[in-house]
Amino acid sequence: MLAKTSELREREVVNILDGRKLGFTSDLEIDPGTGKIIAIVLPAPGRFRWLFGKTGEIVIPWHRIKKIGIDVILVELPEQVGEGSYIDLS
């Protein structure tokens, strides 16, 4: 299944280990040498973090993505089950 990068932004990211909804893709990390996607990036949790100048990202390496469906991206993040914050997991 082929998908445009703009379509990936419309899909919610869910951790399959605990069912937690992590948000929507905001960016991609691409290897400039190969052109392959190496990670997806999501905004860090917190509705008003930008208001206080605190920006953060959840960086999910490509190998953590288990399935890209029509409306959801399933990821496996065992280190984060039961924790409240998600930061770079590479």
PDB file of N, CA and C in Angstrom:
ATOM      1  N   MET A   1       0.843  -1.181   0.000  1.00  0.00           N
ATOM      2  CA  MET A   1       0.000   0.000   0.000  1.00  0.00           C
ATOM      3  C   MET A   1       0.889   1.245   0.000  1.00  0.00           C
ATOM      4  N   LEU A   2       0.693   2.103  -0.947  1.00  0.00           N
ATOM      5  CA  LEU A   2       1.427   3.357  -1.021  1.00  0.00           C
ATOM      6  C   LEU A   2       0.632   4.445  -0.310  1.00  0.00           C
ATOM      7  N   ALA A   3       1.348   5.359   0.302  1.00  0.00           N
ATOM      8  CA  ALA A   3       0.691   6.477   0.982  1.00  0.00           C
ATOM      9  C   ALA A   3       1.526   7.727   0.785  1.00  0.00           C
ATOM     10  N   LYS A   4       0.851   8.841   0.620  1.00  0.00           N
ATOM     11  CA  LYS A   4       1.525  10.131   0.542  1.00  0.00           C
ATOM     12  C   LYS A   4       1.863  10.575   1.961  1.00  0.00           C
ATOM     13  N   THR A   5       2.897  11.401   2.089  1.00  0.00           N
ATOM     14  CA  THR A   5       3.252  11.887   3.421  1.00  0.00           C
ATOM     15  C   THR A   5       2.110  12.685   4.034  1.00  0.00           C
ATOM     16  N   SER A   6       1.362  13.406   3.212  1.00  0.00           N
ATOM     17  CA  SER A   6       0.224  14.172   3.737  1.00  0.00           C
ATOM     18  C   SER A   6      -0.847  13.247   4.306  1.00  0.00           C
ATOM     19  N   GLU A   7      -0.979  12.052   3.743  1.00  0.00           N
ATOM     20  CA  GLU A   7      -1.946  11.088   4.249  1.00  0.00           C
ATOM     21  C   GLU A   7      -1.511  10.520   5.600  1.00  0.00           C
ATOM     22  N   LEU A   8      -0.208  10.405   5.826  1.00  0.00           N
ATOM     23  CA  LEU A   8       0.274   9.906   7.119  1.00  0.00           C
ATOM     24  C   LEU A   8      -0.110  10.851   8.252  1.00  0.00           C
ATOM     25  N   ARG A   9      -0.222  12.138   7.967  1.00  0.00           N
ATOM     26  CA  ARG A   9      -0.589  13.126   8.987  1.00  0.00           C
ATOM     27  C   ARG A   9      -2.046  12.971   9.423  1.00  0.00           C
ATOM     28  N   GLU A  10      -2.853  12.310   8.617  1.00  0.00           N
ATOM     29  CA  GLU A  10      -4.265  12.138   8.922  1.00  0.00           C
ATOM     30  C   GLU A  10      -4.533  10.871   9.731  1.00  0.00           C
ATOM     31  N   ARG A  11      -3.503  10.108  10.009  1.00  0.00           N
ATOM     32  CA  ARG A  11      -3.664   8.838  10.714  1.00  0.00           C
ATOM     33  C   ARG A  11      -3.191   8.956  12.158  1.00  0.00           C
ATOM     34  N   GLU A  12      -4.032   8.483  13.057  1.00  0.00           N
ATOM     35  CA  GLU A  12      -3.684   8.525  14.477  1.00  0.00           C
ATOM     36  C   GLU A  12      -2.681   7.418  14.787  1.00  0.00           C
ATOM     37  N   VAL A  13      -1.739   7.714  15.674  1.00  0.00           N
ATOM     38  CA  VAL A  13      -0.717   6.755  16.073  1.00  0.00           C
ATOM     39  C   VAL A  13      -1.125   6.147  17.416  1.00  0.00           C
ATOM     40  N   VAL A  14      -1.130   4.800  17.478  1.00  0.00           N
ATOM     41  CA  VAL A  14      -1.567   4.081  18.677  1.00  0.00           C
ATOM     42  C   VAL A  14      -0.509   3.057  19.065  1.00  0.00           C
ATOM     43  N   ASN A  15      -0.190   3.003  20.363  1.00  0.00           N
ATOM     44  CA  ASN A  15       0.728   1.996  20.895  1.00  0.00           C
ATOM     45  C   ASN A  15      -0.061   0.704  21.082  1.00  0.00           C
ATOM     46  N   ILE A  16       0.314  -0.354  20.368  1.00  0.00           N
ATOM     47  CA  ILE A  16      -0.450  -1.597  20.430  1.00  0.00           C
ATOM     48  C   ILE A  16      -0.309  -2.328  21.761  1.00  0.00           C
ATOM     49  N   LEU A  17       0.676  -1.976  22.568  1.00  0.00           N
ATOM     50  CA  LEU A  17       0.879  -2.677  23.825  1.00  0.00           C
ATOM     51  C   LEU A  17      -0.087  -2.249  24.926  1.00  0.00           C
ATOM     52  N   ASP A  18      -0.549  -1.003  24.864  1.00  0.00           N
ATOM     53  CA  ASP A  18      -1.494  -0.553  25.893  1.00  0.00           C
ATOM     54  C   ASP A  18      -2.699   0.189  25.312  1.00  0.00           C
ATOM     55  N   GLY A  19      -2.755   0.316  23.994  1.00  0.00           N
ATOM     56  CA  GLY A  19      -3.880   0.975  23.340  1.00  0.00           C
ATOM     57  C   GLY A  19      -3.879   2.487  23.459  1.00  0.00           C
ATOM     58  N   ARG A  20      -2.812   3.052  23.975  1.00  0.00           N
ATOM     59  CA  ARG A  20      -2.737   4.498  24.166  1.00  0.00           C
ATOM     60  C   ARG A  20      -2.633   5.233  22.850  1.00  0.00           C
ATOM     61  N   LYS A  21      -3.468   6.240  22.680  1.00  0.00           N
ATOM     62  CA  LYS A  21      -3.415   7.091  21.494  1.00  0.00           C
ATOM     63  C   LYS A  21      -2.336   8.142  21.716  1.00  0.00           C
ATOM     64  N   LEU A  22      -1.385   8.204  20.806  1.00  0.00           N
ATOM     65  CA  LEU A  22      -0.241   9.103  20.955  1.00  0.00           C
ATOM     66  C   LEU A  22      -0.409  10.417  20.201  1.00  0.00           C
ATOM     67  N   GLY A  23      -1.311  10.451  19.239  1.00  0.00           N
ATOM     68  CA  GLY A  23      -1.522  11.662  18.461  1.00  0.00           C
ATOM     69  C   GLY A  23      -1.374  11.396  16.981  1.00  0.00           C
ATOM     70  N   PHE A  24      -1.125  12.453  16.237  1.00  0.00           N
ATOM     71  CA  PHE A  24      -1.008  12.369  14.789  1.00  0.00           C
ATOM     72  C   PHE A  24       0.396  12.762  14.358  1.00  0.00           C
ATOM     73  N   THR A  25       0.868  12.166  13.282  1.00  0.00           N
ATOM     74  CA  THR A  25       2.195  12.457  12.752  1.00  0.00           C
ATOM     75  C   THR A  25       2.299  13.926  12.347  1.00  0.00           C
ATOM     76  N   SER A  26       3.362  14.579  12.789  1.00  0.00           N
ATOM     77  CA  SER A  26       3.574  15.974  12.421  1.00  0.00           C
ATOM     78  C   SER A  26       4.730  16.138  11.438  1.00  0.00           C
ATOM     79  N   ASP A  27       5.628  15.146  11.408  1.00  0.00           N
ATOM     80  CA  ASP A  27       6.798  15.261  10.542  1.00  0.00           C
ATOM     81  C   ASP A  27       7.388  13.876  10.316  1.00  0.00           C
ATOM     82  N   LEU A  28       8.320  13.799   9.395  1.00  0.00           N
ATOM     83  CA  LEU A  28       9.041  12.564   9.107  1.00  0.00           C
ATOM     84  C   LEU A  28      10.529  12.856   9.143  1.00  0.00           C
ATOM     85  N   GLU A  29      11.322  11.875   9.583  1.00  0.00           N
ATOM     86  CA  GLU A  29      12.775  11.974   9.464  1.00  0.00           C
ATOM     87  C   GLU A  29      13.165  11.083   8.295  1.00  0.00           C
ATOM     88  N   ILE A  30      13.883  11.663   7.354  1.00  0.00           N
ATOM     89  CA  ILE A  30      14.255  10.955   6.131  1.00  0.00           C
ATOM     90  C   ILE A  30      15.769  10.920   5.997  1.00  0.00           C
ATOM     91  N   ASP A  31      16.297   9.744   5.661  1.00  0.00           N
ATOM     92  CA  ASP A  31      17.728   9.600   5.417  1.00  0.00           C
ATOM     93  C   ASP A  31      18.039  10.263   4.077  1.00  0.00           C
ATOM     94  N   PRO A  32      18.849  11.328   4.075  1.00  0.00           N
ATOM     95  CA  PRO A  32      19.119  12.036   2.818  1.00  0.00           C
ATOM     96  C   PRO A  32      19.883  11.197   1.801  1.00  0.00           C
ATOM     97  N   GLY A  33      20.611  10.215   2.261  1.00  0.00           N
ATOM     98  CA  GLY A  33      21.385   9.379   1.348  1.00  0.00           C
ATOM     99  C   GLY A  33      20.541   8.365   0.591  1.00  0.00           C
ATOM    100  N   THR A  34      19.546   7.816   1.272  1.00  0.00           N
ATOM    101  CA  THR A  34      18.724   6.767   0.666  1.00  0.00           C
ATOM    102  C   THR A  34      17.319   7.237   0.320  1.00  0.00           C
ATOM    103  N   GLY A  35      16.872   8.308   0.970  1.00  0.00           N
ATOM    104  CA  GLY A  35      15.514   8.780   0.762  1.00  0.00           C
ATOM    105  C   GLY A  35      14.476   7.989   1.537  1.00  0.00           C
ATOM    106  N   LYS A  36      14.929   7.063   2.389  1.00  0.00           N
ATOM    107  CA  LYS A  36      14.004   6.237   3.169  1.00  0.00           C
ATOM    108  C   LYS A  36      13.592   6.951   4.453  1.00  0.00           C
ATOM    109  N   ILE A  37      12.353   6.705   4.867  1.00  0.00           N
ATOM    110  CA  ILE A  37      11.862   7.244   6.143  1.00  0.00           C
ATOM    111  C   ILE A  37      12.532   6.466   7.263  1.00  0.00           C
ATOM    112  N   ILE A  38      13.140   7.181   8.218  1.00  0.00           N
ATOM    113  CA  ILE A  38      13.778   6.506   9.346  1.00  0.00           C
ATOM    114  C   ILE A  38      12.988   6.671  10.640  1.00  0.00           C
ATOM    115  N   ALA A  39      12.069   7.645  10.691  1.00  0.00           N
ATOM    116  CA  ALA A  39      11.256   7.840  11.894  1.00  0.00           C
ATOM    117  C   ALA A  39      10.062   8.726  11.567  1.00  0.00           C
ATOM    118  N   ILE A  40       9.011   8.573  12.389  1.00  0.00           N
ATOM    119  CA  ILE A  40       7.900   9.515  12.336  1.00  0.00           C
ATOM    120  C   ILE A  40       7.979  10.366  13.587  1.00  0.00           C
ATOM    121  N   VAL A  41       7.505  11.586  13.490  1.00  0.00           N
ATOM    122  CA  VAL A  41       7.587  12.535  14.593  1.00  0.00           C
ATOM    123  C   VAL A  41       6.175  12.997  14.943  1.00  0.00           C
ATOM    124  N   LEU A  42       5.889  13.021  16.253  1.00  0.00           N
ATOM    125  CA  LEU A  42       4.610  13.496  16.755  1.00  0.00           C
ATOM    126  C   LEU A  42       4.874  14.615  17.746  1.00  0.00           C
ATOM    127  N   PRO A  43       3.950  15.553  17.906  1.00  0.00           N
ATOM    128  CA  PRO A  43       4.108  16.560  18.957  1.00  0.00           C
ATOM    129  C   PRO A  43       4.015  15.877  20.318  1.00  0.00           C
ATOM    130  N   ALA A  44       4.759  16.370  21.278  1.00  0.00           N
ATOM    131  CA  ALA A  44       4.717  15.809  22.636  1.00  0.00           C
ATOM    132  C   ALA A  44       3.354  16.056  23.261  1.00  0.00           C
ATOM    133  N   PRO A  45       2.963  15.218  24.220  1.00  0.00           N
ATOM    134  CA  PRO A  45       1.666  15.407  24.878  1.00  0.00           C
ATOM    135  C   PRO A  45       1.579  16.757  25.577  1.00  0.00           C
ATOM    136  N   GLY A  46       0.378  17.243  25.733  1.00  0.00           N
ATOM    137  CA  GLY A  46       0.164  18.520  26.407  1.00  0.00           C
ATOM    138  C   GLY A  46      -0.456  19.512  25.452  1.00  0.00           C
ATOM    139  N   ARG A  47      -1.655  19.924  25.735  1.00  0.00           N
ATOM    140  CA  ARG A  47      -2.405  20.772  24.821  1.00  0.00           C
ATOM    141  C   ARG A  47      -1.818  22.168  24.667  1.00  0.00           C
ATOM    142  N   PHE A  48      -1.224  22.717  25.724  1.00  0.00           N
ATOM    143  CA  PHE A  48      -0.774  24.103  25.671  1.00  0.00           C
ATOM    144  C   PHE A  48       0.724  24.249  25.919  1.00  0.00           C
ATOM    145  N   ARG A  49       1.508  23.223  25.629  1.00  0.00           N
ATOM    146  CA  ARG A  49       2.957  23.290  25.849  1.00  0.00           C
ATOM    147  C   ARG A  49       3.589  24.424  25.054  1.00  0.00           C
ATOM    148  N   TRP A  50       3.101  24.664  23.837  1.00  0.00           N
ATOM    149  CA  TRP A  50       3.668  25.716  22.982  1.00  0.00           C
ATOM    150  C   TRP A  50       3.473  27.091  23.600  1.00  0.00           C
ATOM    151  N   LEU A  51       2.419  27.255  24.397  1.00  0.00           N
ATOM    152  CA  LEU A  51       2.112  28.542  25.005  1.00  0.00           C
ATOM    153  C   LEU A  51       3.213  28.978  25.973  1.00  0.00           C
ATOM    154  N   PHE A  52       3.829  28.008  26.632  1.00  0.00           N
ATOM    155  CA  PHE A  52       4.863  28.300  27.615  1.00  0.00           C
ATOM    156  C   PHE A  52       6.269  28.107  27.057  1.00  0.00           C
ATOM    157  N   GLY A  53       6.353  27.948  25.749  1.00  0.00           N
ATOM    158  CA  GLY A  53       7.659  27.818  25.114  1.00  0.00           C
ATOM    159  C   GLY A  53       8.268  26.442  25.240  1.00  0.00           C
ATOM    160  N   LYS A  54       7.506  25.459  25.691  1.00  0.00           N
ATOM    161  CA  LYS A  54       8.028  24.106  25.831  1.00  0.00           C
ATOM    162  C   LYS A  54       7.520  23.271  24.671  1.00  0.00           C
ATOM    163  N   THR A  55       8.402  23.029  23.743  1.00  0.00           N
ATOM    164  CA  THR A  55       8.022  22.174  22.634  1.00  0.00           C
ATOM    165  C   THR A  55       8.785  20.878  22.763  1.00  0.00           C
ATOM    166  N   GLY A  56       8.159  19.836  22.422  1.00  0.00           N
ATOM    167  CA  GLY A  56       8.807  18.538  22.480  1.00  0.00           C
ATOM    168  C   GLY A  56       8.270  17.677  21.366  1.00  0.00           C
ATOM    169  N   GLU A  57       8.951  16.608  21.137  1.00  0.00           N
ATOM    170  CA  GLU A  57       8.552  15.713  20.073  1.00  0.00           C
ATOM    171  C   GLU A  57       8.642  14.280  20.545  1.00  0.00           C
ATOM    172  N   ILE A  58       7.804  13.457  19.978  1.00  0.00           N
ATOM    173  CA  ILE A  58       7.903  12.016  20.133  1.00  0.00           C
ATOM    174  C   ILE A  58       8.491  11.521  18.821  1.00  0.00           C
ATOM    175  N   VAL A  59       9.670  10.945  18.878  1.00  0.00           N
ATOM    176  CA  VAL A  59      10.320  10.426  17.683  1.00  0.00           C
ATOM    177  C   VAL A  59      10.220   8.903  17.737  1.00  0.00           C
ATOM    178  N   ILE A  60       9.512   8.335  16.767  1.00  0.00           N
ATOM    179  CA  ILE A  60       9.301   6.894  16.750  1.00  0.00           C
ATOM    180  C   ILE A  60      10.060   6.299  15.562  1.00  0.00           C
ATOM    181  N   PRO A  61      11.100   5.512  15.842  1.00  0.00           N
ATOM    182  CA  PRO A  61      11.882   4.913  14.757  1.00  0.00           C
ATOM    183  C   PRO A  61      11.016   4.014  13.870  1.00  0.00           C
ATOM    184  N   TRP A  62      11.361   3.947  12.608  1.00  0.00           N
ATOM    185  CA  TRP A  62      10.574   3.191  11.640  1.00  0.00           C
ATOM    186  C   TRP A  62      10.406   1.728  12.061  1.00  0.00           C
ATOM    187  N   HIS A  63      11.434   1.128  12.675  1.00  0.00           N
ATOM    188  CA  HIS A  63      11.333  -0.284  13.059  1.00  0.00           C
ATOM    189  C   HIS A  63      10.298  -0.523  14.161  1.00  0.00           C
ATOM    190  N   ARG A  64       9.841   0.525  14.821  1.00  0.00           N
ATOM    191  CA  ARG A  64       8.797   0.408  15.846  1.00  0.00           C
ATOM    192  C   ARG A  64       7.385   0.434  15.258  1.00  0.00           C
ATOM    193  N   ILE A  65       7.272   0.768  13.976  1.00  0.00           N
ATOM    194  CA  ILE A  65       5.967   0.803  13.321  1.00  0.00           C
ATOM    195  C   ILE A  65       5.616  -0.614  12.887  1.00  0.00           C
ATOM    196  N   LYS A  66       4.475  -1.106  13.354  1.00  0.00           N
ATOM    197  CA  LYS A  66       4.068  -2.475  13.063  1.00  0.00           C
ATOM    198  C   LYS A  66       3.071  -2.566  11.921  1.00  0.00           C
ATOM    199  N   LYS A  67       2.229  -1.551  11.766  1.00  0.00           N
ATOM    200  CA  LYS A  67       1.222  -1.593  10.707  1.00  0.00           C
ATOM    201  C   LYS A  67       0.739  -0.185  10.411  1.00  0.00           C
ATOM    202  N   ILE A  68       0.614   0.128   9.131  1.00  0.00           N
ATOM    203  CA  ILE A  68       0.014   1.391   8.711  1.00  0.00           C
ATOM    204  C   ILE A  68      -1.302   1.035   8.040  1.00  0.00           C
ATOM    205  N   GLY A  69      -2.398   1.409   8.692  1.00  0.00           N
ATOM    206  CA  GLY A  69      -3.715   1.117   8.167  1.00  0.00           C
ATOM    207  C   GLY A  69      -4.323   2.314   7.468  1.00  0.00           C
ATOM    208  N   ILE A  70      -5.584   2.182   7.128  1.00  0.00           N
ATOM    209  CA  ILE A  70      -6.294   3.241   6.424  1.00  0.00           C
ATOM    210  C   ILE A  70      -6.420   4.501   7.271  1.00  0.00           C
ATOM    211  N   ASP A  71      -6.657   4.326   8.589  1.00  0.00           N
ATOM    212  CA  ASP A  71      -6.855   5.501   9.446  1.00  0.00           C
ATOM    213  C   ASP A  71      -6.031   5.484  10.724  1.00  0.00           C
ATOM    214  N   VAL A  72      -5.119   4.515  10.871  1.00  0.00           N
ATOM    215  CA  VAL A  72      -4.316   4.429  12.090  1.00  0.00           C
ATOM    216  C   VAL A  72      -2.936   3.862  11.770  1.00  0.00           C
ATOM    217  N   ILE A  73      -1.956   4.279  12.574  1.00  0.00           N
ATOM    218  CA  ILE A  73      -0.603   3.732  12.502  1.00  0.00           C
ATOM    219  C   ILE A  73      -0.359   3.040  13.835  1.00  0.00           C
ATOM    220  N   LEU A  74      -0.100   1.733  13.797  1.00  0.00           N
ATOM    221  CA  LEU A  74       0.136   0.973  15.012  1.00  0.00           C
ATOM    222  C   LEU A  74       1.632   0.862  15.263  1.00  0.00           C
ATOM    223  N   VAL A  75       2.036   1.217  16.483  1.00  0.00           N
ATOM    224  CA  VAL A  75       3.449   1.163  16.871  1.00  0.00           C
ATOM    225  C   VAL A  75       3.590   0.318  18.123  1.00  0.00           C
ATOM    226  N   GLU A  76       4.787  -0.199  18.345  1.00  0.00           N
ATOM    227  CA  GLU A  76       5.067  -1.007  19.528  1.00  0.00           C
ATOM    228  C   GLU A  76       6.146  -0.300  20.350  1.00  0.00           C
ATOM    229  N   LEU A  77       5.731   0.236  21.509  1.00  0.00           N
ATOM    230  CA  LEU A  77       6.636   0.999  22.365  1.00  0.00           C
ATOM    231  C   LEU A  77       6.634   0.409  23.770  1.00  0.00           C
ATOM    232  N   PRO A  78       7.347  -0.711  23.991  1.00  0.00           N
ATOM    233  CA  PRO A  78       7.314  -1.367  25.304  1.00  0.00           C
ATOM    234  C   PRO A  78       7.881  -0.522  26.438  1.00  0.00           C
ATOM    235  N   GLU A  79       8.839   0.343  26.138  1.00  0.00           N
ATOM    236  CA  GLU A  79       9.459   1.160  27.182  1.00  0.00           C
ATOM    237  C   GLU A  79       8.493   2.176  27.766  1.00  0.00           C
ATOM    238  N   GLN A  80       7.432   2.471  27.047  1.00  0.00           N
ATOM    239  CA  GLN A  80       6.548   3.555  27.443  1.00  0.00           C
ATOM    240  C   GLN A  80       5.228   3.099  28.049  1.00  0.00           C
ATOM    241  N   VAL A  81       5.006   1.813  28.156  1.00  0.00           N
ATOM    242  CA  VAL A  81       3.750   1.331  28.721  1.00  0.00           C
ATOM    243  C   VAL A  81       3.660   1.776  30.176  1.00  0.00           C
ATOM    244  N   GLY A  82       2.591   2.483  30.494  1.00  0.00           N
ATOM    245  CA  GLY A  82       2.360   2.934  31.872  1.00  0.00           C
ATOM    246  C   GLY A  82       3.046   4.238  32.225  1.00  0.00           C
ATOM    247  N   GLU A  83       3.834   4.799  31.347  1.00  0.00           N
ATOM    248  CA  GLU A  83       4.497   6.068  31.643  1.00  0.00           C
ATOM    249  C   GLU A  83       3.720   7.215  31.016  1.00  0.00           C
ATOM    250  N   GLY A  84       3.933   8.414  31.534  1.00  0.00           N
ATOM    251  CA  GLY A  84       3.174   9.556  31.068  1.00  0.00           C
ATOM    252  C   GLY A  84       3.809  10.386  29.976  1.00  0.00           C
ATOM    253  N   SER A  85       5.092  10.237  29.731  1.00  0.00           N
ATOM    254  CA  SER A  85       5.719  11.077  28.707  1.00  0.00           C
ATOM    255  C   SER A  85       6.433  10.216  27.685  1.00  0.00           C
ATOM    256  N   TYR A  86       6.399  10.677  26.467  1.00  0.00           N
ATOM    257  CA  TYR A  86       7.051   9.973  25.368  1.00  0.00           C
ATOM    258  C   TYR A  86       8.056  10.918  24.728  1.00  0.00           C
ATOM    259  N   ILE A  87       9.288  10.502  24.743  1.00  0.00           N
ATOM    260  CA  ILE A  87      10.343  11.299  24.121  1.00  0.00           C
ATOM    261  C   ILE A  87      11.135  10.364  23.195  1.00  0.00           C
ATOM    262  N   ASP A  88      12.136  10.835  22.542  1.00  0.00           N
ATOM    263  CA  ASP A  88      12.898  10.101  21.531  1.00  0.00           C
ATOM    264  C   ASP A  88      13.177   8.660  21.970  1.00  0.00           C
ATOM    265  N   LEU A  89      12.723   7.711  21.175  1.00  0.00           N
ATOM    266  CA  LEU A  89      12.857   6.302  21.509  1.00  0.00           C
ATOM    267  C   LEU A  89      13.849   5.560  20.621  1.00  0.00           C
ATOM    268  N   SER A  90      14.643   6.292  19.888  1.00  0.00           N
ATOM    269  CA  SER A  90      15.552   5.619  18.959  1.00  0.00           C
ATOM    270  C   SER A  90      16.701   4.943  19.658  1.00  0.00           C
TER     271      SER A  90
END
